[in-house]
Amino acid sequence: MTQTDPIADALVHIKNSQTASKTSITLRPGSKLLGQILRVMKEKGYIAKFTEKNDMRGAFYEVELNGKINQVAAIKPRYAVGKNEFEKFEKRFLPARDIGMMIVSTSQGVMTHQESKEKSIGGRLLAYIY
């Protein structure tokens, strides 16, 4: 059976594990995009650490949770957002102003929507977390 959206499946697995009070999980299959999303989550303090590993079946990530996630989910469809259009999506996906973040894929890499606003670049919305 194939996965239709491995990013969404990984984020749901993180949310469910956080709800079950687990401290470490394995995300499989691993991809470069998932690794970049985890990097942003680690930089902002939502996860403790992650490591990429590889075995005979392919790449996967070992993630250590720190209990700071209330909600995390993928944004589908992956909306294209201009540099001045983030306000509309902040109201839609985040609970309040300056609480949480949206993860954006831009031409300069994966970053938060605040960083994208500061650099005045748009991109595609991937996920939100708070």
C-alpha atoms as a PDB file:
ATOM      1  CA  MET A   1       0.000   0.000   0.000  1.00  0.00           C
ATOM      2  CA  THR A   2       1.377   3.407  -0.938  1.00  0.00           C
ATOM      3  CA  GLN A   3       1.195   6.599   1.039  1.00  0.00           C
ATOM      4  CA  THR A   4      -0.435   9.534  -0.685  1.00  0.00           C
ATOM      5  CA  ASP A   5       1.109  12.204   1.555  1.00  0.00           C
ATOM      6  CA  PRO A   6       4.076  11.107   3.695  1.00  0.00           C
ATOM      7  CA  ILE A   7       4.497  14.616   5.177  1.00  0.00           C
ATOM      8  CA  ALA A   8       0.911  14.670   6.465  1.00  0.00           C
ATOM      9  CA  ASP A   9       1.287  11.121   7.818  1.00  0.00           C
ATOM     10  CA  ALA A  10       4.486  12.065   9.674  1.00  0.00           C
ATOM     11  CA  LEU A  11       2.899  15.156  11.229  1.00  0.00           C
ATOM     12  CA  VAL A  12      -0.175  13.167  12.332  1.00  0.00           C
ATOM     13  CA  HIS A  13       2.168  10.581  13.874  1.00  0.00           C
ATOM     14  CA  ILE A  14       3.951  13.373  15.781  1.00  0.00           C
ATOM     15  CA  LYS A  15       0.630  14.775  17.036  1.00  0.00           C
ATOM     16  CA  ASN A  16      -0.699  11.364  18.119  1.00  0.00           C
ATOM     17  CA  SER A  17       2.561  10.477  19.872  1.00  0.00           C
ATOM     18  CA  GLN A  18       2.567  13.820  21.669  1.00  0.00           C
ATOM     19  CA  THR A  19      -1.010  13.181  22.840  1.00  0.00           C
ATOM     20  CA  ALA A  20       0.028   9.729  24.099  1.00  0.00           C
ATOM     21  CA  SER A  21       2.931  11.321  26.039  1.00  0.00           C
ATOM     22  CA  LYS A  22       5.631   9.463  24.141  1.00  0.00           C
ATOM     23  CA  THR A  23       9.154  10.848  24.286  1.00  0.00           C
ATOM     24  CA  SER A  24      10.627   9.393  21.092  1.00  0.00           C
ATOM     25  CA  ILE A  25       9.204   8.193  17.784  1.00  0.00           C
ATOM     26  CA  THR A  26      10.365   6.885  14.418  1.00  0.00           C
ATOM     27  CA  LEU A  27       9.131   8.572  11.238  1.00  0.00           C
ATOM     28  CA  ARG A  28       9.268   6.412   8.137  1.00  0.00           C
ATOM     29  CA  PRO A  29       9.775   7.002   5.184  1.00  0.00           C
ATOM     30  CA  GLY A  30      12.266   9.835   5.436  1.00  0.00           C
ATOM     31  CA  SER A  31      12.679  12.544   2.823  1.00  0.00           C
ATOM     32  CA  LYS A  32      14.655  15.749   2.425  1.00  0.00           C
ATOM     33  CA  LEU A  33      11.494  17.842   2.766  1.00  0.00           C
ATOM     34  CA  LEU A  34      10.512  16.097   6.010  1.00  0.00           C
ATOM     35  CA  GLY A  35      14.046  16.669   7.288  1.00  0.00           C
ATOM     36  CA  GLN A  36      13.776  20.394   6.542  1.00  0.00           C
ATOM     37  CA  ILE A  37      10.398  20.597   8.327  1.00  0.00           C
ATOM     38  CA  LEU A  38      11.891  18.833  11.363  1.00  0.00           C
ATOM     39  CA  ARG A  39      14.865  21.225  11.282  1.00  0.00           C
ATOM     40  CA  VAL A  40      12.519  24.229  11.474  1.00  0.00           C
ATOM     41  CA  MET A  41      10.540  22.599  14.296  1.00  0.00           C
ATOM     42  CA  LYS A  42      13.778  21.956  16.226  1.00  0.00           C
ATOM     43  CA  GLU A  43      15.034  25.526  15.707  1.00  0.00           C
ATOM     44  CA  LYS A  44      11.784  26.906  17.141  1.00  0.00           C
ATOM     45  CA  GLY A  45      11.815  24.497  20.114  1.00  0.00           C
ATOM     46  CA  TYR A  46       8.854  22.265  19.260  1.00  0.00           C
ATOM     47  CA  ILE A  47      10.958  19.076  19.235  1.00  0.00           C
ATOM     48  CA  ALA A  48      14.082  18.271  21.247  1.00  0.00           C
ATOM     49  CA  LYS A  49      16.200  16.674  18.520  1.00  0.00           C
ATOM     50  CA  PHE A  50      16.084  14.414  15.491  1.00  0.00           C
ATOM     51  CA  THR A  51      18.526  12.195  13.674  1.00  0.00           C
ATOM     52  CA  GLU A  52      18.389  10.753  10.191  1.00  0.00           C
ATOM     53  CA  LYS A  53      19.172   7.064   9.889  1.00  0.00           C
ATOM     54  CA  ASN A  54      19.263   4.627   7.027  1.00  0.00           C
ATOM     55  CA  ASP A  55      18.659   0.886   6.921  1.00  0.00           C
ATOM     56  CA  MET A  56      17.917  -1.697   4.252  1.00  0.00           C
ATOM     57  CA  ARG A  57      14.362  -0.352   3.770  1.00  0.00           C
ATOM     58  CA  GLY A  58      15.365   3.278   3.330  1.00  0.00           C
ATOM     59  CA  ALA A  59      15.809   6.482   5.277  1.00  0.00           C
ATOM     60  CA  PHE A  60      13.908   7.300   8.462  1.00  0.00           C
ATOM     61  CA  TYR A  61      14.029   9.832  11.303  1.00  0.00           C
ATOM     62  CA  GLU A  62      14.335   9.261  15.047  1.00  0.00           C
ATOM     63  CA  VAL A  63      12.595  12.199  16.766  1.00  0.00           C
ATOM     64  CA  GLU A  64      12.666  13.119  20.452  1.00  0.00           C
ATOM     65  CA  LEU A  65       9.600  15.065  21.587  1.00  0.00           C
ATOM     66  CA  ASN A  66       9.667  17.604  24.403  1.00  0.00           C
ATOM     67  CA  GLY A  67       5.941  18.089  25.053  1.00  0.00           C
ATOM     68  CA  LYS A  68       5.529  21.568  23.541  1.00  0.00           C
ATOM     69  CA  ILE A  69       3.200  20.714  20.648  1.00  0.00           C
ATOM     70  CA  ASN A  70      -0.525  21.414  20.991  1.00  0.00           C
ATOM     71  CA  GLN A  71      -1.452  21.016  17.333  1.00  0.00           C
ATOM     72  CA  VAL A  72       0.488  20.191  14.179  1.00  0.00           C
ATOM     73  CA  ALA A  73      -0.925  19.383  10.755  1.00  0.00           C
ATOM     74  CA  ALA A  74      -0.150  19.583   7.066  1.00  0.00           C
ATOM     75  CA  ILE A  75      -1.857  22.251   4.977  1.00  0.00           C
ATOM     76  CA  LYS A  76      -3.637  20.735   2.006  1.00  0.00           C
ATOM     77  CA  PRO A  77      -3.845  21.838  -0.715  1.00  0.00           C
ATOM     78  CA  ARG A  78      -0.408  23.432  -0.670  1.00  0.00           C
ATOM     79  CA  TYR A  79      -1.501  27.028  -1.144  1.00  0.00           C
ATOM     80  CA  ALA A  80       0.771  29.384  -3.056  1.00  0.00           C
ATOM     81  CA  VAL A  81       1.208  32.517  -0.960  1.00  0.00           C
ATOM     82  CA  GLY A  82       2.638  35.844  -2.043  1.00  0.00           C
ATOM     83  CA  LYS A  83       4.845  37.946   0.197  1.00  0.00           C
ATOM     84  CA  ASN A  84       1.896  40.122   1.282  1.00  0.00           C
ATOM     85  CA  GLU A  85      -0.782  37.405   1.657  1.00  0.00           C
ATOM     86  CA  PHE A  86       0.248  35.668   4.894  1.00  0.00           C
ATOM     87  CA  GLU A  87      -2.296  37.505   7.078  1.00  0.00           C
ATOM     88  CA  LYS A  88      -5.262  35.672   5.544  1.00  0.00           C
ATOM     89  CA  PHE A  89      -3.708  32.261   6.190  1.00  0.00           C
ATOM     90  CA  GLU A  90      -2.581  33.216   9.707  1.00  0.00           C
ATOM     91  CA  LYS A  91      -6.214  33.904  10.570  1.00  0.00           C
ATOM     92  CA  ARG A  92      -7.274  30.599   9.046  1.00  0.00           C
ATOM     93  CA  PHE A  93      -4.700  28.223  10.549  1.00  0.00           C
ATOM     94  CA  LEU A  94      -3.258  29.805  13.715  1.00  0.00           C
ATOM     95  CA  PRO A  95      -5.223  30.395  16.944  1.00  0.00           C
ATOM     96  CA  ALA A  96      -4.085  33.999  17.528  1.00  0.00           C
ATOM     97  CA  ARG A  97      -1.589  36.564  16.352  1.00  0.00           C
ATOM     98  CA  ASP A  98       2.026  35.647  17.245  1.00  0.00           C
ATOM     99  CA  ILE A  99       1.037  32.186  18.519  1.00  0.00           C
ATOM    100  CA  GLY A 100       2.425  29.308  16.484  1.00  0.00           C
ATOM    101  CA  MET A 101       3.896  29.309  13.020  1.00  0.00           C
ATOM    102  CA  MET A 102       3.298  28.149   9.499  1.00  0.00           C
ATOM    103  CA  ILE A 103       6.070  26.342   7.636  1.00  0.00           C
ATOM    104  CA  VAL A 104       6.653  27.614   4.100  1.00  0.00           C
ATOM    105  CA  SER A 105       8.654  26.182   1.223  1.00  0.00           C
ATOM    106  CA  THR A 106      10.305  29.069  -0.615  1.00  0.00           C
ATOM    107  CA  SER A 107      12.891  29.483  -3.323  1.00  0.00           C
ATOM    108  CA  GLN A 108      15.440  30.075  -0.539  1.00  0.00           C
ATOM    109  CA  GLY A 109      14.533  26.926   1.408  1.00  0.00           C
ATOM    110  CA  VAL A 110      12.043  25.826   4.050  1.00  0.00           C
ATOM    111  CA  MET A 111      11.369  28.444   6.740  1.00  0.00           C
ATOM    112  CA  THR A 112       8.666  29.888   8.966  1.00  0.00           C
ATOM    113  CA  HIS A 113       6.160  32.400   7.679  1.00  0.00           C
ATOM    114  CA  GLN A 114       7.703  35.120   9.884  1.00  0.00           C
ATOM    115  CA  GLU A 115      11.127  34.607   8.280  1.00  0.00           C
ATOM    116  CA  SER A 116       9.504  34.613   4.861  1.00  0.00           C
ATOM    117  CA  LYS A 117       7.781  37.928   5.658  1.00  0.00           C
ATOM    118  CA  GLU A 118      11.078  39.448   6.825  1.00  0.00           C
ATOM    119  CA  LYS A 119      12.814  38.382   3.623  1.00  0.00           C
ATOM    120  CA  SER A 120       9.818  39.509   1.496  1.00  0.00           C
ATOM    121  CA  ILE A 121       9.436  36.230  -0.367  1.00  0.00           C
ATOM    122  CA  GLY A 122       6.411  34.035  -0.941  1.00  0.00           C
ATOM    123  CA  GLY A 123       6.139  30.298  -1.321  1.00  0.00           C
ATOM    124  CA  ARG A 124       3.960  27.267  -0.680  1.00  0.00           C
ATOM    125  CA  LEU A 125       2.401  26.542   2.713  1.00  0.00           C
ATOM    126  CA  LEU A 126       3.403  23.113   4.011  1.00  0.00           C
ATOM    127  CA  ALA A 127       2.250  22.874   7.638  1.00  0.00           C
ATOM    128  CA  TYR A 128       1.229  24.780  10.748  1.00  0.00           C
ATOM    129  CA  ILE A 129       2.169  24.204  14.372  1.00  0.00           C
ATOM    130  CA  TYR A 130       1.353  25.737  17.729  1.00  0.00           C
END
